[in-house]
Amino acid sequence: MLSPVPDTDGAPFWEYAARGELRVQACGDCGEPRFPPRPCCPHCQSFASEWRPVSGRGRVWSYVVPHPPLLPDYAEQAPYNVVVVELEEAPRIRLVGNVVAHPGARLDSVDPARLRIGARVRVVFSGGLPQWVPA
C-alpha cells in the first residue's frame, strides 16, 4: 500500500484520516472549502483556514481501471478501480481513492464493471487512507 507524503498544508488532512475522520480545509474568513489544501484562499485571498468535518458521502465523478497496473506491487489486485469522488456537501471538492467492498478490503473487491458515474459512495478508512464503499 502506498503511504502519503504529507506536506505542511496537507498534514492535517492525513492526521484526521488516521483517526477515521474526513475533514477538508476551509477558509477561516469566507468559509469556502478548498482541496487540495493550500495557504491562501483562492476566493478571497485570506490566509485564515480551518479544518471542517464533512459527511463522507459523495458520488463517483469519474473512474479508471488501470490495465496493466502502473505499479508492480498492485499487479496481483488487477483489475481494480481508481475513482474521483465529488463530495456531497462540497461538489467542487473531489478526492481520489478506490471503491472497495468494506474497510480494508483488497482493491479488486469490487468488480469494475459495477462502477458507474454518479454512483453514491461513502468514505471508510483503512490504514489511515480514505477509501469508498457503495452507499
N, C-alpha and C. Protein backbone atom coordinates (compact mmCIF):
# COMPACT_ATOMS: atom_id res chain seq x y z
N MET A 1 0.84 -1.18 0.00
CA MET A 1 0.00 0.00 0.00
C MET A 1 0.89 1.24 0.00
N LEU A 2 0.51 2.21 -0.80
CA LEU A 2 1.25 3.47 -0.83
C LEU A 2 0.94 4.27 0.43
N SER A 3 1.91 4.97 0.93
CA SER A 3 1.71 5.84 2.08
C SER A 3 1.80 7.28 1.62
N PRO A 4 0.95 8.16 2.17
CA PRO A 4 1.02 9.56 1.78
C PRO A 4 2.32 10.20 2.26
N VAL A 5 2.74 11.21 1.53
CA VAL A 5 3.88 12.02 1.93
C VAL A 5 3.32 13.42 2.17
N PRO A 6 2.91 13.68 3.42
CA PRO A 6 2.25 14.96 3.70
C PRO A 6 3.19 16.15 3.60
N ASP A 7 2.66 17.23 3.08
CA ASP A 7 3.37 18.50 3.12
C ASP A 7 2.78 19.31 4.28
N THR A 8 3.30 20.48 4.52
CA THR A 8 2.84 21.29 5.65
C THR A 8 1.35 21.61 5.55
N ASP A 9 0.89 21.98 4.35
CA ASP A 9 -0.51 22.36 4.18
C ASP A 9 -1.45 21.16 4.30
N GLY A 10 -1.03 20.00 3.80
CA GLY A 10 -1.89 18.83 3.79
C GLY A 10 -1.78 17.92 4.99
N ALA A 11 -0.80 18.14 5.87
CA ALA A 11 -0.59 17.25 7.02
C ALA A 11 -1.85 17.07 7.87
N PRO A 12 -2.63 18.12 8.17
CA PRO A 12 -3.83 17.90 8.98
C PRO A 12 -4.83 16.94 8.32
N PHE A 13 -4.95 16.95 7.00
CA PHE A 13 -5.85 16.02 6.32
C PHE A 13 -5.50 14.59 6.71
N TRP A 14 -4.20 14.26 6.64
CA TRP A 14 -3.75 12.89 6.94
C TRP A 14 -3.84 12.57 8.42
N GLU A 15 -3.64 13.57 9.29
CA GLU A 15 -3.80 13.34 10.73
C GLU A 15 -5.25 12.99 11.06
N TYR A 16 -6.20 13.71 10.48
CA TYR A 16 -7.61 13.39 10.71
C TYR A 16 -7.97 12.04 10.11
N ALA A 17 -7.47 11.76 8.91
CA ALA A 17 -7.76 10.47 8.26
C ALA A 17 -7.24 9.31 9.10
N ALA A 18 -6.09 9.47 9.73
CA ALA A 18 -5.55 8.41 10.59
C ALA A 18 -6.47 8.13 11.77
N ARG A 19 -7.28 9.12 12.15
CA ARG A 19 -8.26 8.95 13.23
C ARG A 19 -9.63 8.55 12.70
N GLY A 20 -9.72 8.33 11.39
CA GLY A 20 -11.01 7.94 10.80
C GLY A 20 -11.96 9.09 10.56
N GLU A 21 -11.43 10.29 10.40
CA GLU A 21 -12.25 11.47 10.15
C GLU A 21 -11.93 12.05 8.79
N LEU A 22 -12.96 12.39 8.04
CA LEU A 22 -12.75 13.09 6.77
C LEU A 22 -13.04 14.56 7.01
N ARG A 23 -12.00 15.37 6.86
CA ARG A 23 -12.11 16.82 7.01
C ARG A 23 -11.47 17.49 5.81
N VAL A 24 -12.00 18.65 5.47
CA VAL A 24 -11.41 19.44 4.38
C VAL A 24 -11.08 20.83 4.91
N GLN A 25 -10.09 21.41 4.30
CA GLN A 25 -9.70 22.76 4.67
C GLN A 25 -10.76 23.73 4.16
N ALA A 26 -11.06 24.75 4.96
CA ALA A 26 -11.98 25.80 4.56
C ALA A 26 -11.38 27.14 4.95
N CYS A 27 -11.76 28.16 4.24
CA CYS A 27 -11.30 29.50 4.54
C CYS A 27 -11.86 29.94 5.89
N GLY A 28 -11.02 30.48 6.74
CA GLY A 28 -11.46 30.97 8.04
C GLY A 28 -12.20 32.28 7.95
N ASP A 29 -12.17 32.94 6.79
CA ASP A 29 -12.88 34.22 6.63
C ASP A 29 -14.17 34.06 5.81
N CYS A 30 -14.05 33.56 4.56
CA CYS A 30 -15.26 33.46 3.72
C CYS A 30 -15.95 32.11 3.84
N GLY A 31 -15.27 31.12 4.44
CA GLY A 31 -15.89 29.81 4.66
C GLY A 31 -15.85 28.86 3.49
N GLU A 32 -15.28 29.25 2.38
CA GLU A 32 -15.24 28.41 1.18
C GLU A 32 -14.33 27.19 1.42
N PRO A 33 -14.86 25.97 1.20
CA PRO A 33 -13.98 24.79 1.32
C PRO A 33 -13.02 24.72 0.15
N ARG A 34 -11.84 24.12 0.42
CA ARG A 34 -10.86 24.01 -0.66
C ARG A 34 -10.06 22.72 -0.51
N PHE A 35 -9.73 22.16 -1.67
CA PHE A 35 -8.89 20.97 -1.74
C PHE A 35 -8.26 20.95 -3.10
N PRO A 36 -6.98 20.73 -3.21
CA PRO A 36 -6.06 20.38 -2.14
C PRO A 36 -5.82 21.55 -1.20
N PRO A 37 -5.37 21.24 0.02
CA PRO A 37 -5.09 22.29 0.99
C PRO A 37 -3.99 23.22 0.50
N ARG A 38 -4.12 24.48 0.84
CA ARG A 38 -3.11 25.47 0.46
C ARG A 38 -3.18 26.65 1.42
N PRO A 39 -2.16 27.46 1.47
CA PRO A 39 -2.12 28.53 2.48
C PRO A 39 -3.10 29.67 2.24
N CYS A 40 -3.45 29.94 0.99
CA CYS A 40 -4.27 31.12 0.68
C CYS A 40 -5.58 30.71 0.02
N CYS A 41 -6.67 31.35 0.43
CA CYS A 41 -7.99 31.09 -0.16
C CYS A 41 -8.02 31.62 -1.60
N PRO A 42 -8.38 30.76 -2.56
CA PRO A 42 -8.44 31.23 -3.95
C PRO A 42 -9.63 32.15 -4.22
N HIS A 43 -10.58 32.25 -3.26
CA HIS A 43 -11.77 33.07 -3.48
C HIS A 43 -11.62 34.48 -2.90
N CYS A 44 -11.06 34.57 -1.66
CA CYS A 44 -10.95 35.89 -1.04
C CYS A 44 -9.52 36.28 -0.68
N GLN A 45 -8.56 35.39 -0.96
CA GLN A 45 -7.14 35.61 -0.73
C GLN A 45 -6.76 35.71 0.76
N SER A 46 -7.62 35.23 1.63
CA SER A 46 -7.31 35.21 3.06
C SER A 46 -6.34 34.07 3.36
N PHE A 47 -5.52 34.27 4.38
CA PHE A 47 -4.61 33.22 4.84
C PHE A 47 -5.19 32.47 6.05
N ALA A 48 -6.39 32.82 6.49
CA ALA A 48 -7.04 32.13 7.61
C ALA A 48 -7.63 30.82 7.10
N SER A 49 -7.47 29.76 7.89
CA SER A 49 -8.06 28.48 7.48
C SER A 49 -8.46 27.67 8.69
N GLU A 50 -9.32 26.69 8.46
CA GLU A 50 -9.75 25.74 9.48
C GLU A 50 -10.06 24.42 8.80
N TRP A 51 -10.14 23.36 9.57
CA TRP A 51 -10.42 22.02 9.03
C TRP A 51 -11.82 21.61 9.49
N ARG A 52 -12.73 21.48 8.52
CA ARG A 52 -14.12 21.17 8.83
C ARG A 52 -14.44 19.71 8.53
N PRO A 53 -15.17 19.06 9.44
CA PRO A 53 -15.60 17.69 9.14
C PRO A 53 -16.64 17.70 8.03
N VAL A 54 -16.62 16.70 7.19
CA VAL A 54 -17.64 16.51 6.15
C VAL A 54 -18.24 15.12 6.35
N SER A 55 -19.39 14.91 5.75
CA SER A 55 -20.14 13.67 5.98
C SER A 55 -19.45 12.42 5.44
N GLY A 56 -18.62 12.60 4.41
CA GLY A 56 -18.01 11.44 3.77
C GLY A 56 -18.90 10.81 2.72
N ARG A 57 -20.04 11.44 2.44
CA ARG A 57 -20.92 10.96 1.36
C ARG A 57 -20.57 11.70 0.08
N GLY A 58 -20.67 10.99 -1.03
CA GLY A 58 -20.39 11.61 -2.31
C GLY A 58 -20.87 10.75 -3.45
N ARG A 59 -20.42 11.11 -4.64
CA ARG A 59 -20.77 10.33 -5.82
C ARG A 59 -19.53 10.18 -6.69
N VAL A 60 -19.50 9.09 -7.43
CA VAL A 60 -18.37 8.86 -8.34
C VAL A 60 -18.47 9.87 -9.47
N TRP A 61 -17.48 10.71 -9.57
CA TRP A 61 -17.44 11.74 -10.60
C TRP A 61 -16.75 11.20 -11.85
N SER A 62 -15.74 10.35 -11.64
CA SER A 62 -15.02 9.72 -12.74
C SER A 62 -14.29 8.50 -12.18
N TYR A 63 -13.85 7.63 -13.07
CA TYR A 63 -13.03 6.50 -12.63
C TYR A 63 -12.25 5.93 -13.80
N VAL A 64 -11.21 5.18 -13.45
CA VAL A 64 -10.41 4.45 -14.44
C VAL A 64 -10.13 3.07 -13.87
N VAL A 65 -9.81 2.15 -14.77
CA VAL A 65 -9.39 0.81 -14.41
C VAL A 65 -8.03 0.60 -15.07
N PRO A 66 -6.95 0.66 -14.27
CA PRO A 66 -5.62 0.53 -14.86
C PRO A 66 -5.38 -0.86 -15.47
N HIS A 67 -4.97 -0.90 -16.72
CA HIS A 67 -4.59 -2.13 -17.44
C HIS A 67 -3.33 -1.85 -18.23
N PRO A 68 -2.22 -2.45 -17.99
CA PRO A 68 -1.88 -3.16 -16.76
C PRO A 68 -1.64 -2.15 -15.66
N PRO A 69 -1.59 -2.60 -14.42
CA PRO A 69 -1.32 -1.65 -13.32
C PRO A 69 0.03 -0.96 -13.53
N LEU A 70 0.08 0.29 -13.19
CA LEU A 70 1.31 1.04 -13.39
C LEU A 70 2.35 0.73 -12.32
N LEU A 71 1.91 0.25 -11.17
CA LEU A 71 2.83 -0.07 -10.08
C LEU A 71 2.86 -1.58 -9.88
N PRO A 72 4.03 -2.19 -10.01
CA PRO A 72 4.13 -3.66 -9.93
C PRO A 72 3.51 -4.26 -8.66
N ASP A 73 3.58 -3.57 -7.53
CA ASP A 73 3.03 -4.11 -6.29
C ASP A 73 1.51 -4.27 -6.33
N TYR A 74 0.87 -3.66 -7.31
CA TYR A 74 -0.59 -3.73 -7.41
C TYR A 74 -1.05 -4.74 -8.47
N ALA A 75 -0.13 -5.37 -9.17
CA ALA A 75 -0.47 -6.28 -10.26
C ALA A 75 -1.36 -7.42 -9.81
N GLU A 76 -1.13 -7.96 -8.62
CA GLU A 76 -1.92 -9.10 -8.16
C GLU A 76 -3.37 -8.72 -7.84
N GLN A 77 -3.65 -7.43 -7.72
CA GLN A 77 -5.02 -6.99 -7.43
C GLN A 77 -5.75 -6.48 -8.68
N ALA A 78 -5.11 -6.53 -9.81
CA ALA A 78 -5.73 -6.03 -11.05
C ALA A 78 -6.77 -7.03 -11.55
N PRO A 79 -7.83 -6.56 -12.19
CA PRO A 79 -8.15 -5.14 -12.39
C PRO A 79 -8.77 -4.55 -11.12
N TYR A 80 -8.47 -3.31 -10.89
CA TYR A 80 -9.04 -2.58 -9.76
C TYR A 80 -9.42 -1.19 -10.26
N ASN A 81 -10.15 -0.46 -9.43
CA ASN A 81 -10.62 0.86 -9.84
C ASN A 81 -9.86 1.96 -9.12
N VAL A 82 -9.79 3.09 -9.76
CA VAL A 82 -9.34 4.34 -9.14
C VAL A 82 -10.44 5.35 -9.45
N VAL A 83 -11.04 5.91 -8.39
CA VAL A 83 -12.19 6.79 -8.58
C VAL A 83 -11.87 8.22 -8.14
N VAL A 84 -12.61 9.14 -8.72
CA VAL A 84 -12.63 10.52 -8.26
C VAL A 84 -14.03 10.73 -7.70
N VAL A 85 -14.09 11.07 -6.41
CA VAL A 85 -15.38 11.23 -5.72
C VAL A 85 -15.63 12.70 -5.44
N GLU A 86 -16.82 13.14 -5.85
CA GLU A 86 -17.28 14.50 -5.59
C GLU A 86 -18.04 14.48 -4.27
N LEU A 87 -17.63 15.31 -3.31
CA LEU A 87 -18.26 15.32 -2.00
C LEU A 87 -19.66 15.93 -2.07
N GLU A 88 -20.58 15.32 -1.32
CA GLU A 88 -21.98 15.75 -1.33
C GLU A 88 -22.15 17.22 -0.93
N GLU A 89 -21.53 17.62 0.17
CA GLU A 89 -21.74 18.98 0.66
C GLU A 89 -20.78 20.01 0.08
N ALA A 90 -19.83 19.55 -0.72
CA ALA A 90 -18.87 20.46 -1.34
C ALA A 90 -18.55 19.92 -2.73
N PRO A 91 -19.46 20.06 -3.69
CA PRO A 91 -19.30 19.45 -5.01
C PRO A 91 -18.04 19.84 -5.77
N ARG A 92 -17.43 20.98 -5.43
CA ARG A 92 -16.19 21.35 -6.12
C ARG A 92 -14.99 20.61 -5.55
N ILE A 93 -15.19 19.91 -4.45
CA ILE A 93 -14.09 19.14 -3.86
C ILE A 93 -14.20 17.70 -4.33
N ARG A 94 -13.12 17.22 -4.91
CA ARG A 94 -13.08 15.86 -5.45
C ARG A 94 -11.84 15.16 -4.90
N LEU A 95 -12.05 13.97 -4.37
CA LEU A 95 -10.97 13.19 -3.76
C LEU A 95 -10.76 11.91 -4.56
N VAL A 96 -9.52 11.48 -4.63
CA VAL A 96 -9.16 10.27 -5.36
C VAL A 96 -9.07 9.11 -4.38
N GLY A 97 -9.51 7.94 -4.79
CA GLY A 97 -9.42 6.75 -3.95
C GLY A 97 -9.84 5.52 -4.73
N ASN A 98 -10.30 4.52 -4.00
CA ASN A 98 -10.76 3.27 -4.60
C ASN A 98 -12.10 2.89 -3.98
N VAL A 99 -12.99 2.31 -4.76
CA VAL A 99 -14.23 1.75 -4.22
C VAL A 99 -13.91 0.31 -3.84
N VAL A 100 -14.16 -0.03 -2.58
CA VAL A 100 -13.90 -1.37 -2.06
C VAL A 100 -15.18 -1.91 -1.43
N ALA A 101 -15.22 -3.22 -1.19
CA ALA A 101 -16.42 -3.86 -0.65
C ALA A 101 -16.64 -3.49 0.82
N HIS A 102 -15.57 -3.31 1.58
CA HIS A 102 -15.64 -2.97 3.00
C HIS A 102 -14.29 -2.42 3.43
N PRO A 103 -14.22 -1.76 4.59
CA PRO A 103 -12.93 -1.19 5.02
C PRO A 103 -11.85 -2.26 5.05
N GLY A 104 -10.71 -1.94 4.47
CA GLY A 104 -9.58 -2.86 4.47
C GLY A 104 -9.62 -3.92 3.38
N ALA A 105 -10.69 -3.94 2.57
CA ALA A 105 -10.79 -4.94 1.50
C ALA A 105 -9.74 -4.67 0.43
N ARG A 106 -9.42 -5.71 -0.30
CA ARG A 106 -8.48 -5.57 -1.42
C ARG A 106 -9.05 -4.61 -2.47
N LEU A 107 -8.14 -4.03 -3.24
CA LEU A 107 -8.56 -3.10 -4.28
C LEU A 107 -9.45 -3.75 -5.33
N ASP A 108 -9.32 -5.07 -5.51
CA ASP A 108 -10.14 -5.78 -6.50
C ASP A 108 -11.42 -6.36 -5.92
N SER A 109 -11.83 -5.90 -4.74
CA SER A 109 -13.02 -6.46 -4.08
C SER A 109 -14.33 -6.00 -4.71
N VAL A 110 -14.29 -4.99 -5.55
CA VAL A 110 -15.48 -4.53 -6.28
C VAL A 110 -15.19 -4.68 -7.77
N ASP A 111 -16.02 -5.43 -8.45
CA ASP A 111 -15.87 -5.63 -9.90
C ASP A 111 -15.98 -4.28 -10.59
N PRO A 112 -14.96 -3.87 -11.35
CA PRO A 112 -15.01 -2.57 -12.03
C PRO A 112 -16.24 -2.42 -12.94
N ALA A 113 -16.81 -3.52 -13.42
CA ALA A 113 -18.00 -3.43 -14.27
C ALA A 113 -19.21 -2.90 -13.50
N ARG A 114 -19.17 -2.95 -12.17
CA ARG A 114 -20.27 -2.45 -11.34
C ARG A 114 -20.22 -0.94 -11.15
N LEU A 115 -19.09 -0.31 -11.45
CA LEU A 115 -18.96 1.13 -11.23
C LEU A 115 -19.73 1.93 -12.26
N ARG A 116 -20.28 3.01 -11.83
CA ARG A 116 -21.00 3.93 -12.71
C ARG A 116 -20.73 5.36 -12.28
N ILE A 117 -20.61 6.25 -13.24
CA ILE A 117 -20.53 7.68 -12.94
C ILE A 117 -21.83 8.05 -12.23
N GLY A 118 -21.71 8.79 -11.15
CA GLY A 118 -22.88 9.21 -10.38
C GLY A 118 -23.26 8.26 -9.26
N ALA A 119 -22.63 7.09 -9.17
CA ALA A 119 -22.95 6.14 -8.10
C ALA A 119 -22.65 6.76 -6.75
N ARG A 120 -23.54 6.55 -5.81
CA ARG A 120 -23.37 7.07 -4.45
C ARG A 120 -22.39 6.21 -3.67
N VAL A 121 -21.49 6.87 -2.95
CA VAL A 121 -20.49 6.18 -2.14
C VAL A 121 -20.36 6.91 -0.81
N ARG A 122 -19.72 6.23 0.15
CA ARG A 122 -19.39 6.86 1.43
C ARG A 122 -17.98 6.45 1.81
N VAL A 123 -17.33 7.32 2.57
CA VAL A 123 -15.93 7.09 2.92
C VAL A 123 -15.80 6.05 4.03
N VAL A 124 -14.75 5.27 3.95
CA VAL A 124 -14.28 4.39 5.01
C VAL A 124 -12.77 4.58 5.06
N PHE A 125 -12.14 4.10 6.11
CA PHE A 125 -10.70 4.29 6.24
C PHE A 125 -10.03 2.95 6.47
N SER A 126 -8.86 2.80 5.87
CA SER A 126 -8.04 1.61 6.06
C SER A 126 -6.59 2.07 6.16
N GLY A 127 -5.99 1.85 7.31
CA GLY A 127 -4.60 2.26 7.49
C GLY A 127 -4.39 3.76 7.31
N GLY A 128 -5.39 4.55 7.66
CA GLY A 128 -5.28 6.00 7.53
C GLY A 128 -5.55 6.54 6.14
N LEU A 129 -5.90 5.65 5.20
CA LEU A 129 -6.22 6.09 3.83
C LEU A 129 -7.72 6.08 3.62
N PRO A 130 -8.27 7.16 3.07
CA PRO A 130 -9.70 7.13 2.72
C PRO A 130 -9.94 6.20 1.55
N GLN A 131 -10.97 5.39 1.66
CA GLN A 131 -11.45 4.55 0.58
C GLN A 131 -12.96 4.79 0.52
N TRP A 132 -13.60 4.18 -0.44
CA TRP A 132 -15.03 4.41 -0.63
C TRP A 132 -15.75 3.07 -0.73
N VAL A 133 -16.97 3.02 -0.20
CA VAL A 133 -17.82 1.84 -0.35
C VAL A 133 -19.13 2.30 -0.95
N PRO A 134 -19.81 1.41 -1.68
CA PRO A 134 -21.12 1.79 -2.22
C PRO A 134 -22.05 2.21 -1.09
N ALA A 135 -22.81 3.29 -1.31
CA ALA A 135 -23.73 3.79 -0.29
C ALA A 135 -25.03 3.03 -0.30
